[in-house]
């Protein structure tokens, strides 16, 4: 096929800010003329970046959905593009905003602003992956064959992702951000203190109504920076790391070769405004304190290829594909849409069945929201011509690891890059009652989404659409 173009939109509704990007995607068929078509994103041109808006809230527990919709509608008007021109896109609610009571309602209200949207409330682990990929940390790690710890520091949280030689090793999240304290720019008085600060050893030393004097803010700033240093393995962990660790997340400090930053606070690290309280919060002061950290001087510091735009740099693009011919499915309801990808590392895949089980169970948490687990697709690289005992061992580990997902009422979906899905599905089938799908010939990464259509070619092939957030390659 000749190259085709389509318009795509990305909308990120974060703790502090909401922004929108419209991009033109170029799609090309990269398969040879005698193969199944493999359509991929060959290019991305950003056509419009919105203003950066403070996320409107009704209260500390609810997003102002009408306000967000007004922002998006106004930015469409300013861009000159109509809703009908947009073919695909992504709406992601991130940070503390994803924990708001009406987050799903807000997502639904925006569904009309694009064609086939990826729509998600990103928990802290998924947000860590999206931000790191958006800032190019995965590419940097792969190209420099280095351990890169990426920190996306926003208004309410700091999302952590560790890549080693391009492979995602772990994710985590700290409740460290620029808007844990809000300050009236006119009076200089503190107007809001996040409940997170009450977890500090000895409690929060500040109070609402107090003037935000530098000496009063200094202990809280020092505590936040120390927690980041400890998470990066640059100083021994103490009670501060535990105090700031986001609930229901885990993190094992590892000293990286490179420390990478994105998020709104990253701009304040490298290009701080002249005014300390420019945004009515701690963002500028936190950025400066990070820049002045002596502990962080132990490693290379890297500014992300994107900073405040990192989580959704472009929009949900898509790569059309077809599954391999060695698929296995039973009792599945097609089509399946917007399944987030959970990918195991090679080491996890090749471990003993207990290691496989533990890896799957741990990573299922990445896609849990306030309602519990959500439907996901488990991705593997697979092996060329594996021996059957190896396949059987992998099948047992996967089946046991996927039990929480099955108990939650979801079908196990396993996506394998190499051609081994049929034998893997046959090995898993006696271990799992009810629906099961294993398909191969599809390469995906954590942070992608996948649509799976009804079988074609007499049931031998499943149409697949991989939705990839279009991250910066600069």
Protein backbone atom coordinates (compact mmCIF):
# COMPACT_ATOMS: atom_id res chain seq x y z
CA UNK A 1 0.00 0.00 0.00
CA UNK A 2 1.06 3.57 -0.44
CA UNK A 3 1.64 5.69 2.63
CA UNK A 4 -1.53 7.01 4.24
CA UNK A 5 -2.03 9.73 6.81
CA UNK A 6 -4.53 10.24 9.60
CA UNK A 7 -5.08 12.74 12.38
CA UNK A 8 -4.69 11.71 16.00
CA UNK A 9 -5.28 13.50 19.30
CA UNK A 10 -3.83 13.01 22.77
CA UNK A 11 -5.44 14.42 25.91
CA UNK A 12 -3.75 14.17 29.33
CA UNK A 13 -5.81 15.13 32.39
CA UNK A 14 -3.29 15.31 35.22
CA UNK A 15 -3.19 16.35 38.86
CA UNK A 16 -2.10 19.87 38.00
CA UNK A 17 -2.62 20.39 34.30
CA UNK A 18 -4.66 19.32 31.29
CA UNK A 19 -3.24 19.50 27.77
CA UNK A 20 -3.96 18.35 24.25
CA UNK A 21 -1.87 17.53 21.18
CA UNK A 22 -3.04 16.95 17.62
CA UNK A 23 -0.66 15.09 15.30
CA UNK A 24 -0.58 13.78 11.75
CA UNK A 25 0.48 10.14 11.59
CA UNK A 26 1.93 8.51 8.46
CA UNK A 27 1.16 4.82 8.07
CA UNK A 28 3.13 2.43 5.84
CA UNK A 29 2.91 -1.25 5.02
CA UNK A 30 6.32 -2.66 5.99
CA UNK A 31 5.68 -6.24 4.90
CA UNK A 32 6.94 -7.62 1.59
CA UNK A 33 4.35 -7.97 -1.22
CA UNK A 34 3.84 -11.69 -0.53
CA UNK A 35 3.25 -11.43 3.23
CA UNK A 36 0.34 -10.52 5.46
CA UNK A 37 0.21 -6.70 5.54
CA UNK A 38 1.98 -5.13 8.50
CA UNK A 39 1.00 -1.50 8.81
CA UNK A 40 3.07 0.63 11.18
CA UNK A 41 3.53 4.26 12.12
CA UNK A 42 6.29 5.63 9.91
CA UNK A 43 6.14 9.26 10.96
CA UNK A 44 4.54 11.77 13.28
CA UNK A 45 4.15 15.51 12.83
CA UNK A 46 2.76 17.56 15.69
CA UNK A 47 0.27 20.00 14.19
CA UNK A 48 -1.05 21.62 17.34
CA UNK A 49 -0.12 21.82 21.03
CA UNK A 50 -2.71 23.35 23.31
CA UNK A 51 -2.16 25.82 26.07
CA UNK A 52 -1.43 24.15 29.41
CA UNK A 53 -4.52 24.47 31.60
CA UNK A 54 -4.89 23.88 35.31
CA UNK A 55 -7.12 20.82 35.70
CA UNK A 56 -10.54 22.03 36.87
CA UNK A 57 -11.83 20.37 40.04
CA UNK A 58 -15.22 20.50 41.74
CA UNK A 59 -13.62 19.49 45.03
CA UNK A 60 -10.59 17.63 46.32
CA UNK A 61 -12.36 14.36 45.38
CA UNK A 62 -14.05 15.22 42.05
CA UNK A 63 -12.94 16.45 38.63
CA UNK A 64 -15.02 19.19 37.02
CA UNK A 65 -16.02 17.13 33.98
CA UNK A 66 -17.87 19.99 32.31
CA UNK A 67 -14.83 22.22 32.80
CA UNK A 68 -12.51 19.65 31.22
CA UNK A 69 -14.88 19.21 28.29
CA UNK A 70 -14.97 23.00 27.79
CA UNK A 71 -11.17 23.10 27.71
CA UNK A 72 -11.02 20.35 25.09
CA UNK A 73 -13.78 21.90 22.97
CA UNK A 74 -12.09 25.31 23.07
CA UNK A 75 -8.72 23.84 22.10
CA UNK A 76 -10.33 22.04 19.16
CA UNK A 77 -11.76 25.39 18.08
CA UNK A 78 -8.38 27.11 18.39
CA UNK A 79 -6.61 24.32 16.49
CA UNK A 80 -8.90 24.69 13.48
CA UNK A 81 -9.60 20.93 13.36
CA UNK A 82 -13.07 19.42 13.61
CA UNK A 83 -13.95 16.36 15.66
CA UNK A 84 -14.90 14.51 12.50
CA UNK A 85 -11.38 14.89 11.11
CA UNK A 86 -9.78 13.01 14.02
CA UNK A 87 -9.41 9.29 13.33
CA UNK A 88 -7.90 8.03 16.57
CA UNK A 89 -6.53 9.19 19.88
CA UNK A 90 -5.91 8.71 23.56
CA UNK A 91 -7.44 10.21 26.69
CA UNK A 92 -5.42 9.42 29.80
CA UNK A 93 -6.26 10.52 33.35
CA UNK A 94 -3.11 10.45 35.45
CA UNK A 95 -1.66 11.20 38.88
CA UNK A 96 -3.94 11.97 41.79
CA UNK A 97 -6.65 12.91 39.27
CA UNK A 98 -7.01 9.23 38.36
CA UNK A 99 -8.09 8.59 41.95
CA UNK A 100 -10.98 11.05 41.81
CA UNK A 101 -14.44 9.61 42.34
CA UNK A 102 -15.77 10.57 38.90
CA UNK A 103 -12.71 9.85 36.74
CA UNK A 104 -14.51 7.28 34.56
CA UNK A 105 -17.44 9.64 34.06
CA UNK A 106 -15.08 12.33 32.78
CA UNK A 107 -13.47 9.89 30.36
CA UNK A 108 -16.87 8.93 28.98
CA UNK A 109 -17.79 12.59 28.45
CA UNK A 110 -14.75 13.05 26.17
CA UNK A 111 -15.30 9.96 24.04
CA UNK A 112 -16.92 11.98 21.25
CA UNK A 113 -13.77 13.99 20.54
CA UNK A 114 -12.12 11.30 18.41
CA UNK A 115 -12.75 8.17 16.44
CA UNK A 116 -11.42 5.05 18.09
CA UNK A 117 -9.95 6.26 21.36
CA UNK A 118 -7.68 4.59 23.83
CA UNK A 119 -9.35 5.67 27.07
CA UNK A 120 -7.80 4.92 30.42
CA UNK A 121 -7.36 5.96 33.98
CA UNK A 122 -3.66 5.31 34.39
CA UNK A 123 -2.70 3.87 37.74
CA UNK A 124 0.74 4.79 39.02
CA UNK A 125 2.55 1.85 37.43
CA UNK A 126 1.03 2.31 33.97
CA UNK A 127 1.62 6.06 34.16
CA UNK A 128 5.28 5.37 34.97
CA UNK A 129 5.62 3.35 31.76
CA UNK A 130 3.82 5.91 29.61
CA UNK A 131 5.86 8.81 30.96
CA UNK A 132 9.19 7.00 30.62
CA UNK A 133 8.47 6.01 27.03
CA UNK A 134 7.16 9.47 26.24
CA UNK A 135 10.38 11.01 27.53
CA UNK A 136 12.53 8.52 25.61
CA UNK A 137 14.03 6.81 28.67
CA UNK A 138 13.52 3.35 27.15
CA UNK A 139 15.29 4.38 23.94
CA UNK A 140 18.13 6.04 25.87
CA UNK A 141 18.61 2.90 27.97
CA UNK A 142 18.69 0.67 24.91
CA UNK A 143 20.98 2.86 22.81
CA UNK A 144 23.46 3.55 25.63
CA UNK A 145 23.15 0.04 27.10
CA UNK A 146 22.65 1.65 30.47
CA UNK A 147 20.39 1.51 33.52
CA UNK A 148 18.12 4.55 33.30
CA UNK A 149 15.82 5.55 36.15
CA UNK A 150 13.11 7.86 34.87
CA UNK A 151 11.21 10.18 37.24
CA UNK A 152 8.09 11.91 35.97
CA UNK A 153 7.39 14.56 38.60
CA UNK A 154 4.02 16.23 38.36
CA UNK A 155 1.67 17.99 40.71
CA UNK A 156 0.82 15.10 43.01
CA UNK A 157 3.11 12.17 42.23
CA UNK A 158 6.54 11.16 40.99
CA UNK A 159 6.28 8.12 38.74
CA UNK A 160 9.36 5.91 38.57
CA UNK A 161 10.41 3.47 35.86
CA UNK A 162 13.73 1.64 35.72
CA UNK A 163 14.99 0.46 32.31
CA UNK A 164 18.16 -1.58 31.93
CA UNK A 165 19.50 -1.92 28.36
CA UNK A 166 16.05 -1.08 27.06
CA UNK A 167 14.16 -3.59 29.18
CA UNK A 168 11.65 -2.45 31.80
CA UNK A 169 12.75 -3.77 35.19
CA UNK A 170 10.39 -2.17 37.68
CA UNK A 171 7.93 0.65 38.24
CA UNK A 172 6.93 2.60 41.32
CA UNK A 173 5.45 5.84 42.54
CA UNK A 174 6.10 8.39 45.26
CA UNK A 175 3.59 10.95 46.50
CA UNK A 176 6.05 13.75 45.73
CA UNK A 177 4.89 16.64 43.56
CA UNK A 178 4.73 20.37 43.10
CA UNK A 179 1.13 20.83 44.24
CA UNK A 180 1.24 19.03 47.56
CA UNK A 181 1.27 22.60 48.88
CA UNK A 182 -0.74 25.39 47.26
CA UNK A 183 0.09 29.02 47.99
CA UNK A 184 -1.82 32.21 47.27
CA UNK A 185 0.50 34.29 45.09
CA UNK A 186 -0.93 37.56 46.37
CA UNK A 187 -0.79 37.02 50.12
CA UNK A 188 1.91 34.36 50.16
CA UNK A 189 -0.25 32.23 52.47
CA UNK A 190 -0.61 28.46 52.28
CA UNK A 191 -4.11 27.58 51.04
CA UNK A 192 -3.82 23.78 50.79
CA UNK A 193 -1.74 21.00 52.33
CA UNK A 194 -1.97 17.50 50.89
CA UNK A 195 -2.89 14.77 53.38
CA UNK A 196 0.29 13.04 52.17
CA UNK A 197 2.33 15.46 54.30
CA UNK A 198 0.71 14.15 57.47
CA UNK A 199 2.67 10.91 56.88
CA UNK A 200 5.98 12.70 57.44
CA UNK A 201 7.86 11.51 60.53
CA UNK A 202 6.70 13.88 63.25
CA UNK A 203 3.79 15.09 61.10
CA UNK A 204 3.50 18.10 58.80
CA UNK A 205 5.27 21.18 60.18
CA UNK A 206 3.04 23.56 58.18
CA UNK A 207 -0.56 24.75 58.51
CA UNK A 208 -3.11 26.32 56.18
CA UNK A 209 -3.09 30.11 56.51
CA UNK A 210 0.60 30.22 57.43
CA UNK A 211 2.87 32.42 55.31
CA UNK A 212 5.03 30.35 52.99
CA UNK A 213 8.36 31.63 54.22
CA UNK A 214 11.44 29.88 52.76
CA UNK A 215 12.63 28.67 56.18
CA UNK A 216 9.20 27.17 56.90
CA UNK A 217 9.04 25.32 53.55
CA UNK A 218 12.65 24.11 53.65
CA UNK A 219 12.09 20.98 55.81
CA UNK A 220 9.28 19.71 53.57
CA UNK A 221 11.30 20.38 50.41
CA UNK A 222 14.30 18.58 51.92
CA UNK A 223 12.09 15.61 52.81
CA UNK A 224 10.70 15.31 49.27
CA UNK A 225 14.14 15.53 47.68
CA UNK A 226 15.54 13.00 50.15
CA UNK A 227 12.75 10.55 49.25
CA UNK A 228 13.65 10.90 45.56
CA UNK A 229 17.36 10.42 46.34
CA UNK A 230 16.58 7.29 48.35
CA UNK A 231 14.37 5.90 45.59
CA UNK A 232 17.28 6.39 43.18
CA UNK A 233 19.61 4.45 45.47
CA UNK A 234 21.74 7.54 46.08
CA UNK A 235 21.40 7.47 49.86
CA UNK A 236 20.35 4.74 52.33
CA UNK A 237 16.55 4.41 52.65
CA UNK A 238 14.88 5.57 55.84
CA UNK A 239 11.37 6.40 57.05
CA UNK A 240 10.97 9.18 54.47
CA UNK A 241 10.92 6.77 51.53
CA UNK A 242 8.18 4.73 53.16
CA UNK A 243 6.24 7.87 54.08
CA UNK A 244 6.12 9.11 50.49
CA UNK A 245 5.61 5.73 48.79
CA UNK A 246 2.22 5.72 47.06
CA UNK A 247 -0.25 3.36 48.69
CA UNK A 248 -0.34 -0.17 47.22
CA UNK A 249 2.89 0.37 45.25
CA UNK A 250 6.36 -1.02 45.85
CA UNK A 251 9.85 0.09 44.96
CA UNK A 252 13.29 -1.45 45.37
CA UNK A 253 15.95 1.30 45.21
CA UNK A 254 18.62 0.69 42.57
CA UNK A 255 21.38 3.16 41.70
CA UNK A 256 21.16 3.83 37.94
CA UNK A 257 23.75 5.03 35.45
CA UNK A 258 21.45 7.83 34.30
CA UNK A 259 18.68 9.71 36.10
CA UNK A 260 16.07 11.08 33.70
CA UNK A 261 13.32 13.62 34.44
CA UNK A 262 10.02 14.64 32.89
CA UNK A 263 6.79 16.21 34.08
CA UNK A 264 6.00 19.81 34.94
CA UNK A 265 8.61 19.90 37.68
CA UNK A 266 11.30 18.84 35.17
CA UNK A 267 10.83 22.18 33.42
CA UNK A 268 11.46 23.83 36.79
CA UNK A 269 14.68 21.83 37.21
CA UNK A 270 16.17 23.02 33.92
CA UNK A 271 14.33 26.25 33.03
CA UNK A 272 12.83 27.62 36.27
CA UNK A 273 10.67 30.74 36.13
CA UNK A 274 12.10 33.81 37.86
CA UNK A 275 9.23 33.84 40.36
CA UNK A 276 9.37 31.19 43.11
CA UNK A 277 5.58 30.94 43.33
CA UNK A 278 4.91 31.31 39.60
CA UNK A 279 2.31 28.52 39.63
CA UNK A 280 0.90 29.04 43.11
CA UNK A 281 2.56 25.88 44.40
CA UNK A 282 5.91 24.28 45.27
CA UNK A 283 6.86 23.26 41.74
CA UNK A 284 9.55 25.88 41.12
CA UNK A 285 11.08 25.43 44.57
CA UNK A 286 11.05 21.63 44.24
CA UNK A 287 12.73 21.79 40.83
CA UNK A 288 15.46 24.05 42.19
CA UNK A 289 16.03 21.79 45.22
CA UNK A 290 16.42 18.76 42.94
CA UNK A 291 18.89 20.64 40.76
CA UNK A 292 20.93 21.56 43.83
CA UNK A 293 20.99 18.01 45.24
CA UNK A 294 24.56 16.86 45.81
CA UNK A 295 23.49 13.21 45.95
CA UNK A 296 22.07 13.39 42.44
CA UNK A 297 25.46 14.57 41.25
CA UNK A 298 26.62 10.94 41.63
CA UNK A 299 24.92 9.98 38.35
CA UNK A 300 24.32 11.55 34.95
CA UNK A 301 21.21 13.71 34.86
CA UNK A 302 19.17 13.70 31.68
CA UNK A 303 16.29 15.91 30.66
CA UNK A 304 13.54 13.89 29.02
CA UNK A 305 12.94 14.35 25.30
CA UNK A 306 9.56 15.58 26.50
CA UNK A 307 8.85 17.05 29.93
CA UNK A 308 5.34 18.21 30.73
CA UNK A 309 4.10 16.46 27.55
CA UNK A 310 5.77 13.12 28.32
CA UNK A 311 2.76 11.03 29.39
CA UNK A 312 0.82 11.61 26.18
CA UNK A 313 3.14 13.25 23.67
CA UNK A 314 1.04 12.60 20.65
CA UNK A 315 -1.99 10.44 20.60
CA UNK A 316 -3.04 6.87 20.34
CA UNK A 317 -1.72 5.84 16.99
CA UNK A 318 -2.26 2.38 15.69
CA UNK A 319 -0.45 -0.42 13.94
CA UNK A 320 -2.70 -2.82 12.07
CA UNK A 321 -1.51 -6.41 12.12
CA UNK A 322 -2.70 -9.99 11.89
CA UNK A 323 -1.97 -12.78 14.30
CA UNK A 324 0.23 -15.69 13.37
CA UNK A 325 -1.27 -18.88 12.05
CA UNK A 326 -0.60 -20.94 15.20
CA UNK A 327 -3.33 -19.49 17.39
CA UNK A 328 -5.46 -21.11 20.08
CA UNK A 329 -8.83 -19.81 21.28
CA UNK A 330 -11.78 -21.22 23.16
CA UNK A 331 -15.14 -19.69 24.16
CA UNK A 332 -13.92 -16.15 23.43
CA UNK A 333 -16.28 -13.22 22.82
CA UNK A 334 -14.92 -11.11 19.95
CA UNK A 335 -14.15 -8.32 19.30
CA UNK A 336 -12.02 -7.28 22.29
CA UNK A 337 -11.06 -3.61 22.47
CA UNK A 338 -8.54 -1.46 24.34
CA UNK A 339 -6.78 -4.22 26.25
CA UNK A 340 -3.68 -2.79 27.95
CA UNK A 341 -0.52 -4.82 27.40
CA UNK A 342 1.36 -6.33 30.34
CA UNK A 343 4.73 -7.66 29.13
CA UNK A 344 7.09 -9.99 30.95
CA UNK A 345 10.85 -9.60 30.62
CA UNK A 346 12.86 -12.39 29.03
CA UNK A 347 14.29 -13.34 32.42
CA UNK A 348 10.78 -13.61 33.87
CA UNK A 349 9.58 -15.74 30.97
CA UNK A 350 12.51 -18.12 31.29
CA UNK A 351 12.27 -18.55 35.05
CA UNK A 352 10.86 -21.50 36.95
CA UNK A 353 7.08 -21.69 37.12
CA UNK A 354 6.99 -20.05 40.57
CA UNK A 355 8.97 -17.10 39.17
CA UNK A 356 6.59 -16.81 36.19
CA UNK A 357 3.59 -16.94 38.52
CA UNK A 358 5.02 -14.24 40.79
CA UNK A 359 5.92 -11.97 37.86
CA UNK A 360 2.41 -12.19 36.38
CA UNK A 361 0.70 -11.67 39.74
CA UNK A 362 2.87 -8.65 40.54
CA UNK A 363 2.37 -7.00 37.17
CA UNK A 364 -1.40 -7.45 37.17
CA UNK A 365 -1.37 -4.71 39.82
CA UNK A 366 -0.23 -2.25 37.15
CA UNK A 367 -3.70 -2.24 35.66
CA UNK A 368 -5.81 -2.33 38.79
CA UNK A 369 -8.08 0.64 39.35
CA UNK A 370 -10.57 1.56 42.06
CA UNK A 371 -12.86 -1.23 40.87
CA UNK A 372 -10.13 -3.89 41.03
CA UNK A 373 -8.40 -5.69 38.18
CA UNK A 374 -9.24 -4.87 34.57
CA UNK A 375 -9.07 -6.96 31.40
CA UNK A 376 -5.49 -7.05 30.16
CA UNK A 377 -3.41 -8.94 27.60
CA UNK A 378 -0.25 -10.69 28.79
CA UNK A 379 2.62 -10.38 26.30
CA UNK A 380 5.66 -12.65 25.87
CA UNK A 381 8.56 -12.75 23.46
CA UNK A 382 8.43 -16.52 23.34
CA UNK A 383 11.09 -18.91 22.06
CA UNK A 384 12.06 -20.44 18.73
CA UNK A 385 11.23 -24.17 18.74
CA UNK A 386 11.00 -24.61 22.52
CA UNK A 387 11.01 -28.12 23.99
CA UNK A 388 7.59 -29.22 25.24
CA UNK A 389 8.66 -29.54 28.91
CA UNK A 390 9.70 -25.88 28.74
CA UNK A 391 6.31 -24.91 27.26
CA UNK A 392 4.47 -26.94 29.90
CA UNK A 393 6.42 -25.26 32.71
CA UNK A 394 5.65 -21.82 31.27
CA UNK A 395 1.98 -22.74 30.89
CA UNK A 396 1.69 -23.78 34.53
CA UNK A 397 3.30 -20.55 35.72
CA UNK A 398 1.06 -18.42 33.50
CA UNK A 399 -2.11 -20.27 34.49
CA UNK A 400 -1.41 -19.83 38.19
CA UNK A 401 -0.34 -16.21 37.79
CA UNK A 402 -3.50 -15.36 35.83
CA UNK A 403 -5.84 -16.80 38.47
CA UNK A 404 -6.66 -13.36 40.02
CA UNK A 405 -7.71 -12.10 36.57
CA UNK A 406 -9.88 -15.18 35.97
CA UNK A 407 -11.51 -14.87 39.41
CA UNK A 408 -12.34 -11.25 38.52
CA UNK A 409 -14.34 -12.55 35.54
CA UNK A 410 -11.89 -11.78 32.72
CA UNK A 411 -10.61 -14.05 29.98
CA UNK A 412 -6.89 -14.88 29.88
CA UNK A 413 -5.35 -13.36 26.74
CA UNK A 414 -1.72 -14.21 25.92
CA UNK A 415 0.08 -12.49 23.03
CA UNK A 416 3.37 -14.07 21.89
CA UNK A 417 5.84 -12.53 19.47
CA UNK A 418 7.29 -15.81 18.24
CA UNK A 419 5.29 -18.69 16.75
CA UNK A 420 4.38 -20.83 19.75
CA UNK A 421 0.85 -19.74 20.70
CA UNK A 422 -0.93 -22.92 19.64
CA UNK A 423 1.21 -25.28 21.68
CA UNK A 424 1.20 -22.85 24.62
CA UNK A 425 -2.61 -22.57 24.46
CA UNK A 426 -2.96 -26.34 24.31
CA UNK A 427 -0.73 -26.67 27.37
CA UNK A 428 -2.71 -24.03 29.28
CA UNK A 429 -6.16 -25.33 28.27
CA UNK A 430 -6.39 -28.21 30.80
CA UNK A 431 -5.28 -25.86 33.58
CA UNK A 432 -7.88 -23.14 32.94
CA UNK A 433 -11.65 -23.53 32.73
CA UNK A 434 -13.62 -21.36 30.34
CA UNK A 435 -12.37 -18.77 27.83
CA UNK A 436 -8.74 -18.71 26.74
CA UNK A 437 -6.88 -17.00 23.91
CA UNK A 438 -3.25 -17.40 22.82
CA UNK A 439 -2.09 -15.68 19.64
CA UNK A 440 1.33 -15.15 18.14
CA UNK A 441 3.15 -13.17 15.48
CA UNK A 442 2.43 -9.88 17.25
CA UNK A 443 5.13 -7.73 18.88
CA UNK A 444 3.94 -5.29 21.55
CA UNK A 445 5.33 -3.44 24.57
CA UNK A 446 4.02 -2.51 28.00
CA UNK A 447 2.08 0.72 27.54
CA UNK A 448 0.52 -0.41 24.25
CA UNK A 449 -3.14 -1.34 23.83
CA UNK A 450 -4.56 -4.02 21.57
CA UNK A 451 -7.85 -4.67 19.76
CA UNK A 452 -8.57 -8.25 18.65
CA UNK A 453 -11.22 -8.89 16.00
CA UNK A 454 -13.28 -11.97 15.23
CA UNK A 455 -11.45 -14.82 13.47
CA UNK A 456 -11.06 -14.72 9.68
CA UNK A 457 -9.63 -17.08 7.04
CA UNK A 458 -11.72 -20.00 8.35
CA UNK A 459 -10.72 -19.21 11.90
CA UNK A 460 -6.98 -19.38 11.23
CA UNK A 461 -6.16 -15.68 11.74
CA UNK A 462 -7.25 -12.99 14.18
CA UNK A 463 -7.18 -9.35 13.00
CA UNK A 464 -5.22 -7.29 15.48
CA UNK A 465 -4.86 -3.55 15.95
CA UNK A 466 -2.01 -2.40 18.18
CA UNK A 467 -2.54 1.06 19.61
CA UNK A 468 0.70 2.72 20.52
CA UNK A 469 0.95 6.12 22.14
CA UNK A 470 3.02 8.08 19.64
CA UNK A 471 6.04 9.02 21.67
CA UNK A 472 8.80 11.39 20.69
CA UNK A 473 11.77 9.82 18.92
CA UNK A 474 13.94 12.93 19.19
